[in-house]
């Protein structure tokens, strides 16, 4: 993140989704150890080949950011478009993702600009935790994320439910 807290380095975190080897967590975000022959430009190129350079950054509750490659977000929009215009849940969801959301393009260093409204509501200054999901990233203020982990522990019942689902 830069001094103003407006830019989020995401190239390395998204490379984790591509199966990049040797990913480690450091200072609240994901970093991939770089081979001598690789440069940040190589990371960005790999990210763009897999996902493109356009992303949609949003939130539903405003307490964390959701970072979607634009093709993934467009698929979500297609499914939403198929719902009736009078669907109230769709309307509430779209109100929130539109309010917090913004399309963003990777800069030359593999960073994305987090929308000001979302950056403020999610307290995205200082350290953040970048968590990879199947097709997107979730970004939390580190203190807020650690509090969430404490308040919502992973229980034996959770393990049982996963086991019932074959995981």
Foldseek 3Di string as FASTA:
>chain_A
DDPVLFKDQCLQVVVVLVVDPQWDDDQQEIDHDDDPPDDLQNSVVVSCVVQNFKWKWFDLPLQKIKIFRVVVVVVVVVVLVPDDPPPVVSVSRCVRRVVQMDMWGQDSRRMTGGDPSSCVSNVSDGHWHWDDDNGIIMIHDVVVVVVVCVVDPCDPVNVVVVVVVVD
